[in-house]
Amino acid sequence: MLKECLMATSLFHDSLTVRTQSHDYPIIITEDATSKDSSMAKQVAPYIKGCQVLIVTNDTVAPLYLQALEDELAEQFTVKVCVLPDGEQYKNQTSIDQIYDALMAEHFNRDVTLIALGGGVVGDMTGFAAASFMRGVNFIQIPTTLLSQVDSSVGGKTGINHAQGKNMIGAFWQPQMVLADMSTLKTLPARELSAGVAEIIKYALIMDEAFLTWLEENLTAMMALDLAVLGEAVKRCCQYKADVVAQDERESGVRALLNFGHTFGHVIETHQGYGNWLHGEAVAAGMMQAAKLSQKIGWLTLDEVERIERVLMLGNLPTKPPAIDVQTALDLMGHDKKVKHGQIRLILLKSIGSAVVTNDFDNDLLLEVLSQHSA
């Protein structure tokens, strides 16, 4: 049987709490949850309600981490597994149905806990399945990509894509806990690491210029997989997001700021086909477009825009979008969830470290930005 959760003896081990209307939950950040003494199973077991567990993962992550988690949890719980194909293009209703099918085949009930083992796609879909199965069951996040550790695993946004727009179908559903294990980043492809760095840079640009300075000094170490530095970055980003979620759980106000670069980025993802541009890559290019529009309005200086570009390049991220017809881009923006009363609202920078949600901009300036890279 599993014993009580043990304190890790890693070089980096920390935790913080996310406070929401439904319940508070911890984010545990560690370096060695894949080790025997402080395994993933030992960390998550205290947060499993009931005796039924469904682990949802994908065919890339499963060979790396599934067996140890499944075997150890099976000592205490009834454990089943649902392995999905890997990729943003599979973040759809068909994959959700596979999760439902696995739950129904085992006659699992409201006592089941779903565990999302993987990146943001797995986490978003597992959370949505948990929110909708029997009108809501518990789930746990074990994010294995940097992007999901700093962003998508925290805050309760769950969902799937639609052919006409990203994340258009979903629900707000908070996990019971989040376990971010830095050692899983050792198996992360370099391109996926950079995609996560984009979201880290986003937090600095919208909330804290001092954090951007810290990133300028530490990004080289992060890209070289210094786990202690990565752990510090993850902790800072999770704290930023936890603070925002506590104020605005359902994105009716300040939480929308976390979508800086996303309206432009979602245009890229949808137009190019889900998975061809990684989410973080699209957000990086989208942040540059938002920064250029902020400059045209008169809020950012050219030096600040160039500083943003240099930081993104340090993270090996794209700073220019693909060629997209202006009208096509506008049409795709019209499907964005931040559109209100038919008006496109964007997150722009008043200065580095200070963002606003606004529709108070000259549409001609937006067209200028979009036309710089039009087809």
Protein backbone atom coordinates (compact mmCIF):
# COMPACT_ATOMS: atom_id res chain seq x y z
CA MET A 1 0.00 0.00 0.00
CA LEU A 2 1.14 3.54 -0.62
CA LYS A 3 2.40 5.43 2.38
CA GLU A 4 1.95 9.08 3.25
CA CYS A 5 3.32 11.65 0.81
CA LEU A 6 7.03 12.13 1.48
CA MET A 7 8.90 15.40 1.34
CA ALA A 8 11.27 15.40 -1.59
CA THR A 9 15.00 15.69 -1.01
CA SER A 10 15.63 17.34 -4.37
CA LEU A 11 17.70 20.40 -5.08
CA PHE A 12 14.47 22.20 -5.92
CA HIS A 13 11.25 21.48 -4.06
CA ASP A 14 8.59 24.07 -3.41
CA SER A 15 4.84 24.50 -3.39
CA LEU A 16 2.19 27.17 -3.53
CA THR A 17 -1.59 27.30 -3.27
CA VAL A 18 -4.19 28.27 -5.86
CA ARG A 19 -7.34 29.69 -4.25
CA THR A 20 -10.61 29.37 -6.16
CA GLN A 21 -14.33 29.59 -5.44
CA SER A 22 -14.76 25.80 -5.52
CA HIS A 23 -11.67 24.78 -3.54
CA ASP A 24 -8.01 25.55 -2.90
CA TYR A 25 -5.34 23.23 -4.26
CA PRO A 26 -1.56 22.94 -4.19
CA ILE A 27 1.00 23.17 -6.95
CA ILE A 28 4.00 21.04 -6.01
CA ILE A 29 7.18 21.86 -7.91
CA THR A 30 10.01 19.39 -7.59
CA GLU A 31 13.00 17.94 -9.39
CA ASP A 32 12.76 14.28 -8.51
CA ALA A 33 9.18 13.01 -8.52
CA THR A 34 10.38 10.32 -10.90
CA SER A 35 12.71 8.92 -8.22
CA LYS A 36 11.73 5.96 -6.04
CA ASP A 37 11.71 7.87 -2.75
CA SER A 38 9.56 10.73 -3.99
CA SER A 39 7.65 9.26 -6.90
CA MET A 40 4.77 10.79 -8.82
CA ALA A 41 2.47 8.21 -7.26
CA LYS A 42 3.45 9.11 -3.71
CA GLN A 43 2.96 12.79 -4.43
CA VAL A 44 -0.52 12.48 -5.96
CA ALA A 45 -1.99 9.63 -3.87
CA PRO A 46 -3.17 11.85 -0.98
CA TYR A 47 -5.30 13.84 -3.44
CA ILE A 48 -7.10 10.87 -4.97
CA LYS A 49 -10.68 10.56 -3.72
CA GLY A 50 -12.27 7.13 -3.80
CA CYS A 51 -10.56 4.04 -5.18
CA GLN A 52 -10.91 4.43 -8.97
CA VAL A 53 -8.25 6.07 -11.14
CA LEU A 54 -8.06 6.65 -14.89
CA ILE A 55 -4.67 7.85 -16.13
CA VAL A 56 -4.97 9.76 -19.41
CA THR A 57 -1.75 10.21 -21.37
CA ASN A 58 -0.49 10.07 -24.95
CA ASP A 59 1.67 7.72 -26.96
CA THR A 60 4.76 9.93 -26.56
CA VAL A 61 4.65 10.34 -22.79
CA ALA A 62 3.35 6.84 -21.97
CA PRO A 63 6.63 4.99 -22.67
CA LEU A 64 8.51 7.44 -20.45
CA TYR A 65 6.47 7.73 -17.26
CA LEU A 66 3.26 5.71 -17.36
CA GLN A 67 4.42 2.29 -16.15
CA ALA A 68 5.94 3.45 -12.87
CA LEU A 69 2.93 5.65 -12.06
CA GLU A 70 0.42 2.95 -12.97
CA ASP A 71 2.20 0.14 -11.10
CA GLU A 72 2.62 2.07 -7.88
CA LEU A 73 -0.91 3.48 -7.82
CA ALA A 74 -2.28 -0.01 -8.52
CA GLU A 75 -1.03 -1.07 -5.08
CA GLN A 76 -3.80 1.07 -3.59
CA PHE A 77 -6.34 1.90 -6.30
CA THR A 78 -8.17 0.35 -9.23
CA VAL A 79 -6.18 1.86 -12.09
CA LYS A 80 -6.98 1.95 -15.79
CA VAL A 81 -5.26 3.80 -18.62
CA CYS A 82 -6.36 5.73 -21.70
CA VAL A 83 -3.53 6.42 -24.18
CA LEU A 84 -4.37 9.04 -26.82
CA PRO A 85 -2.45 9.98 -29.96
CA ASP A 86 -0.04 12.88 -29.46
CA GLY A 87 -0.64 16.26 -31.05
CA GLU A 88 -2.76 19.40 -31.04
CA GLN A 89 -4.70 18.03 -34.02
CA TYR A 90 -6.14 15.35 -31.71
CA LYS A 91 -7.51 17.87 -29.21
CA ASN A 92 -11.06 17.21 -30.33
CA GLN A 93 -14.33 15.46 -29.53
CA THR A 94 -13.08 12.12 -30.86
CA SER A 95 -10.38 12.03 -28.19
CA ILE A 96 -12.83 13.09 -25.50
CA ASP A 97 -15.06 10.19 -26.53
CA GLN A 98 -12.11 7.82 -26.08
CA ILE A 99 -11.81 9.01 -22.48
CA TYR A 100 -15.55 8.59 -21.92
CA ASP A 101 -15.38 5.12 -23.47
CA ALA A 102 -12.60 4.10 -21.10
CA LEU A 103 -14.57 5.35 -18.08
CA MET A 104 -17.77 3.65 -19.18
CA ALA A 105 -16.06 0.36 -20.05
CA GLU A 106 -14.81 0.07 -16.46
CA HIS A 107 -18.14 1.17 -14.97
CA PHE A 108 -16.33 3.99 -13.19
CA ASN A 109 -18.55 6.35 -11.22
CA ARG A 110 -18.40 9.72 -9.50
CA ASP A 111 -15.68 8.45 -7.15
CA VAL A 112 -13.19 8.23 -10.02
CA THR A 113 -10.17 10.54 -10.22
CA LEU A 114 -8.73 11.28 -13.64
CA ILE A 115 -4.99 11.93 -13.84
CA ALA A 116 -3.64 13.94 -16.76
CA LEU A 117 -0.10 12.76 -17.49
CA GLY A 118 1.30 14.84 -20.32
CA GLY A 119 1.38 18.31 -21.82
CA GLY A 120 -1.28 20.93 -22.27
CA VAL A 121 -3.33 18.99 -24.80
CA VAL A 122 -3.65 16.01 -22.46
CA GLY A 123 -4.36 18.28 -19.51
CA ASP A 124 -7.02 20.32 -21.28
CA MET A 125 -8.84 17.24 -22.57
CA THR A 126 -8.61 15.30 -19.30
CA GLY A 127 -9.94 18.29 -17.41
CA PHE A 128 -12.83 18.71 -19.83
CA ALA A 129 -13.67 15.02 -19.60
CA ALA A 130 -13.58 15.29 -15.80
CA ALA A 131 -15.82 18.38 -15.88
CA SER A 132 -18.41 16.67 -18.04
CA PHE A 133 -18.37 12.98 -17.01
CA MET A 134 -21.33 12.41 -14.69
CA ARG A 135 -21.52 16.21 -14.43
CA GLY A 136 -18.14 16.49 -12.78
CA VAL A 137 -15.48 14.26 -11.20
CA ASN A 138 -12.08 14.98 -9.69
CA PHE A 139 -8.87 15.22 -11.67
CA ILE A 140 -5.16 15.78 -11.08
CA GLN A 141 -2.63 17.44 -13.35
CA ILE A 142 0.88 16.02 -13.88
CA PRO A 143 2.19 18.36 -16.60
CA THR A 144 5.28 17.05 -18.40
CA THR A 145 6.01 20.02 -20.67
CA LEU A 146 7.28 23.43 -19.64
CA LEU A 147 4.33 25.17 -21.27
CA SER A 148 1.79 23.13 -19.35
CA GLN A 149 3.72 23.52 -16.08
CA VAL A 150 3.72 27.31 -16.24
CA ASP A 151 0.33 27.87 -17.80
CA SER A 152 -2.31 25.39 -18.92
CA SER A 153 -2.23 23.05 -15.90
CA VAL A 154 -3.03 25.92 -13.51
CA GLY A 155 -6.33 27.76 -13.25
CA GLY A 156 -8.95 25.29 -14.41
CA LYS A 157 -9.34 26.13 -18.09
CA THR A 158 -10.22 22.91 -19.90
CA GLY A 159 -11.48 22.17 -23.38
CA ILE A 160 -11.00 21.11 -26.97
CA ASN A 161 -10.59 22.80 -30.34
CA HIS A 162 -13.13 23.29 -33.09
CA ALA A 163 -12.24 23.45 -36.78
CA GLN A 164 -13.15 27.15 -36.76
CA GLY A 165 -11.40 28.14 -33.56
CA LYS A 166 -9.04 27.04 -30.82
CA ASN A 167 -10.39 26.12 -27.36
CA MET A 168 -13.93 27.08 -28.33
CA ILE A 169 -15.54 24.17 -26.45
CA GLY A 170 -14.73 23.67 -22.78
CA ALA A 171 -15.38 24.39 -19.14
CA PHE A 172 -13.76 25.90 -16.06
CA TRP A 173 -12.91 22.93 -13.84
CA GLN A 174 -10.21 23.09 -11.18
CA PRO A 175 -7.86 20.17 -10.47
CA GLN A 176 -7.30 18.69 -7.02
CA MET A 177 -3.57 19.32 -7.30
CA VAL A 178 -0.80 19.98 -9.81
CA LEU A 179 2.53 18.15 -9.73
CA ALA A 180 5.21 19.86 -11.83
CA ASP A 181 8.30 17.66 -11.96
CA MET A 182 11.28 19.45 -13.51
CA SER A 183 13.05 16.19 -14.28
CA THR A 184 10.42 15.40 -16.95
CA LEU A 185 11.83 18.32 -18.94
CA LYS A 186 14.97 16.26 -19.60
CA THR A 187 12.99 14.24 -22.15
CA LEU A 188 11.31 17.28 -23.71
CA PRO A 189 12.28 18.10 -27.32
CA ALA A 190 14.08 21.43 -27.71
CA ARG A 191 11.23 22.88 -29.75
CA GLU A 192 8.73 22.07 -26.99
CA LEU A 193 11.04 23.63 -24.39
CA SER A 194 11.10 26.85 -26.39
CA ALA A 195 7.31 26.78 -26.66
CA GLY A 196 7.12 26.80 -22.86
CA VAL A 197 9.64 29.63 -22.66
CA ALA A 198 7.22 31.76 -24.71
CA GLU A 199 4.60 31.56 -21.96
CA ILE A 200 7.24 32.39 -19.33
CA ILE A 201 8.25 35.50 -21.26
CA LYS A 202 4.56 36.41 -21.51
CA TYR A 203 4.26 36.68 -17.71
CA ALA A 204 7.22 39.06 -17.58
CA LEU A 205 5.84 41.26 -20.35
CA ILE A 206 2.39 41.67 -18.82
CA MET A 207 3.24 41.72 -15.11
CA ASP A 208 6.84 42.27 -14.08
CA GLU A 209 9.67 44.00 -15.94
CA ALA A 210 12.10 42.86 -13.23
CA PHE A 211 11.24 39.27 -14.14
CA LEU A 212 12.10 40.06 -17.76
CA THR A 213 15.52 41.26 -16.60
CA TRP A 214 15.90 38.01 -14.65
CA LEU A 215 15.01 36.06 -17.78
CA GLU A 216 17.55 37.97 -19.85
CA GLU A 217 20.16 36.86 -17.32
CA ASN A 218 18.95 33.27 -16.93
CA LEU A 219 17.44 32.16 -20.24
CA THR A 220 20.71 30.61 -21.42
CA ALA A 221 20.77 28.40 -18.30
CA MET A 222 17.10 27.52 -18.78
CA MET A 223 17.69 26.47 -22.38
CA ALA A 224 20.58 24.30 -21.14
CA LEU A 225 18.11 22.53 -18.79
CA ASP A 226 19.36 23.91 -15.49
CA LEU A 227 16.53 22.37 -13.45
CA ALA A 228 16.93 24.69 -10.47
CA VAL A 229 16.61 27.76 -12.70
CA LEU A 230 13.67 26.19 -14.53
CA GLY A 231 12.05 25.39 -11.19
CA GLU A 232 12.38 29.00 -10.07
CA ALA A 233 10.84 30.21 -13.34
CA VAL A 234 7.95 27.74 -13.02
CA LYS A 235 7.32 28.80 -9.43
CA ARG A 236 7.25 32.49 -10.34
CA CYS A 237 4.87 31.93 -13.26
CA CYS A 238 2.56 29.71 -11.23
CA GLN A 239 2.44 32.34 -8.48
CA TYR A 240 1.58 35.05 -11.01
CA LYS A 241 -1.20 32.90 -12.42
CA ALA A 242 -2.47 31.79 -9.00
CA ASP A 243 -2.78 35.44 -7.95
CA VAL A 244 -4.75 36.27 -11.09
CA VAL A 245 -7.03 33.21 -10.84
CA ALA A 246 -7.82 34.10 -7.21
CA GLN A 247 -9.08 37.48 -8.44
CA ASP A 248 -10.87 36.33 -11.59
CA GLU A 249 -11.46 32.59 -11.88
CA ARG A 250 -13.72 32.72 -14.94
CA GLU A 251 -11.93 35.36 -16.99
CA SER A 252 -14.45 38.15 -16.64
CA GLY A 253 -11.75 40.74 -15.97
CA VAL A 254 -8.05 40.73 -15.16
CA ARG A 255 -7.49 37.08 -16.13
CA ALA A 256 -7.90 38.02 -19.78
CA LEU A 257 -4.48 39.69 -19.55
CA LEU A 258 -2.95 36.19 -19.49
CA ASN A 259 -3.98 35.90 -23.15
CA PHE A 260 -1.39 38.44 -24.30
CA GLY A 261 -0.32 37.38 -27.79
CA HIS A 262 -2.98 34.69 -27.93
CA THR A 263 -5.53 36.39 -30.18
CA PHE A 264 -2.86 36.83 -32.86
CA GLY A 265 -1.41 33.41 -32.00
CA HIS A 266 -4.69 31.54 -32.31
CA VAL A 267 -5.06 32.99 -35.80
CA ILE A 268 -1.73 31.39 -36.71
CA GLU A 269 -2.62 28.02 -35.16
CA THR A 270 -6.03 27.84 -36.78
CA HIS A 271 -4.86 29.04 -40.18
CA GLN A 272 -1.77 26.81 -40.33
CA GLY A 273 -3.57 23.73 -39.01
CA TYR A 274 -3.41 22.62 -35.39
CA GLY A 275 0.00 21.21 -34.52
CA ASN A 276 1.98 22.70 -37.41
CA TRP A 277 2.90 25.66 -35.25
CA LEU A 278 3.23 24.80 -31.57
CA HIS A 279 1.08 26.91 -29.27
CA GLY A 280 4.07 28.66 -27.72
CA GLU A 281 5.56 29.40 -31.13
CA ALA A 282 2.31 31.00 -32.28
CA VAL A 283 2.04 32.98 -29.04
CA ALA A 284 5.61 34.24 -29.47
CA ALA A 285 4.89 35.59 -32.95
CA GLY A 286 1.55 36.90 -31.66
CA MET A 287 3.26 38.76 -28.82
CA MET A 288 5.50 40.49 -31.34
CA GLN A 289 2.45 41.55 -33.36
CA ALA A 290 0.78 42.85 -30.20
CA ALA A 291 3.98 44.68 -29.22
CA LYS A 292 4.18 46.33 -32.66
CA LEU A 293 0.57 47.46 -32.39
CA SER A 294 1.32 48.82 -28.90
CA GLN A 295 4.21 50.78 -30.42
CA LYS A 296 2.04 52.16 -33.24
CA ILE A 297 -0.47 53.38 -30.64
CA GLY A 298 2.38 55.15 -28.86
CA TRP A 299 2.64 53.02 -25.73
CA LEU A 300 5.90 51.16 -26.40
CA THR A 301 9.12 52.56 -27.78
CA LEU A 302 11.02 50.95 -30.64
CA ASP A 303 13.77 50.03 -28.15
CA GLU A 304 11.22 48.15 -26.02
CA VAL A 305 9.88 46.26 -29.04
CA GLU A 306 13.42 45.31 -30.02
CA ARG A 307 14.10 44.18 -26.44
CA ILE A 308 11.07 41.87 -26.59
CA GLU A 309 12.30 40.48 -29.90
CA ARG A 310 15.78 39.80 -28.47
CA VAL A 311 14.37 37.90 -25.50
CA LEU A 312 12.18 35.75 -27.74
CA MET A 313 15.17 34.99 -29.93
CA LEU A 314 17.14 33.92 -26.83
CA GLY A 315 14.40 31.34 -26.36
CA ASN A 316 14.78 30.15 -29.98
CA LEU A 317 11.28 31.37 -30.77
CA PRO A 318 9.81 32.79 -33.98
CA THR A 319 9.24 36.54 -34.00
CA LYS A 320 7.31 36.73 -37.28
CA PRO A 321 4.02 35.04 -38.19
CA PRO A 322 3.49 33.11 -41.42
CA ALA A 323 1.93 34.91 -44.36
CA ILE A 324 -1.83 35.18 -43.78
CA ASP A 325 -4.32 37.20 -45.81
CA VAL A 326 -5.46 40.21 -43.79
CA GLN A 327 -9.18 39.53 -44.23
CA THR A 328 -8.67 35.88 -43.30
CA ALA A 329 -6.84 36.96 -40.12
CA LEU A 330 -9.63 39.37 -39.22
CA ASP A 331 -12.26 36.70 -39.79
CA LEU A 332 -10.39 34.30 -37.50
CA MET A 333 -10.00 37.01 -34.89
CA GLY A 334 -13.78 37.39 -35.01
CA HIS A 335 -14.09 33.92 -33.47
CA ASP A 336 -11.90 34.87 -30.51
CA LYS A 337 -13.54 34.48 -27.10
CA LYS A 338 -12.56 38.04 -26.16
CA VAL A 339 -14.74 39.54 -28.93
CA LYS A 340 -17.48 41.55 -27.23
CA HIS A 341 -20.45 43.24 -28.90
CA GLY A 342 -18.86 42.46 -32.26
CA GLN A 343 -15.65 44.32 -31.42
CA ILE A 344 -12.22 42.72 -31.33
CA ARG A 345 -10.56 43.23 -27.97
CA LEU A 346 -6.81 42.79 -27.70
CA ILE A 347 -4.32 42.57 -24.87
CA LEU A 348 -1.70 45.25 -25.48
CA LEU A 349 1.22 46.66 -23.53
CA LYS A 350 1.08 50.13 -21.98
CA SER A 351 4.69 49.42 -21.03
CA ILE A 352 6.78 46.34 -20.35
CA GLY A 353 5.22 44.82 -17.24
CA SER A 354 1.85 46.55 -17.69
CA ALA A 355 -0.88 45.17 -19.98
CA VAL A 356 -4.46 46.19 -20.73
CA VAL A 357 -7.46 44.64 -22.47
CA THR A 358 -8.75 47.17 -24.95
CA ASN A 359 -10.77 47.78 -28.08
CA ASP A 360 -9.69 51.43 -28.05
CA PHE A 361 -7.30 51.36 -30.97
CA ASP A 362 -7.40 52.58 -34.55
CA ASN A 363 -8.44 49.65 -36.70
CA ASP A 364 -6.15 50.96 -39.46
CA LEU A 365 -3.18 50.37 -37.16
CA LEU A 366 -4.27 46.76 -36.63
CA LEU A 367 -4.52 46.36 -40.40
CA GLU A 368 -0.99 47.74 -40.75
CA VAL A 369 0.35 45.12 -38.34
CA LEU A 370 -1.52 42.29 -40.05
CA SER A 371 -0.50 43.45 -43.52
CA GLN A 372 3.20 43.30 -42.65
CA HIS A 373 3.01 39.53 -43.08
CA SER A 374 -0.04 39.12 -45.30
CA ALA A 375 -0.24 36.60 -48.13
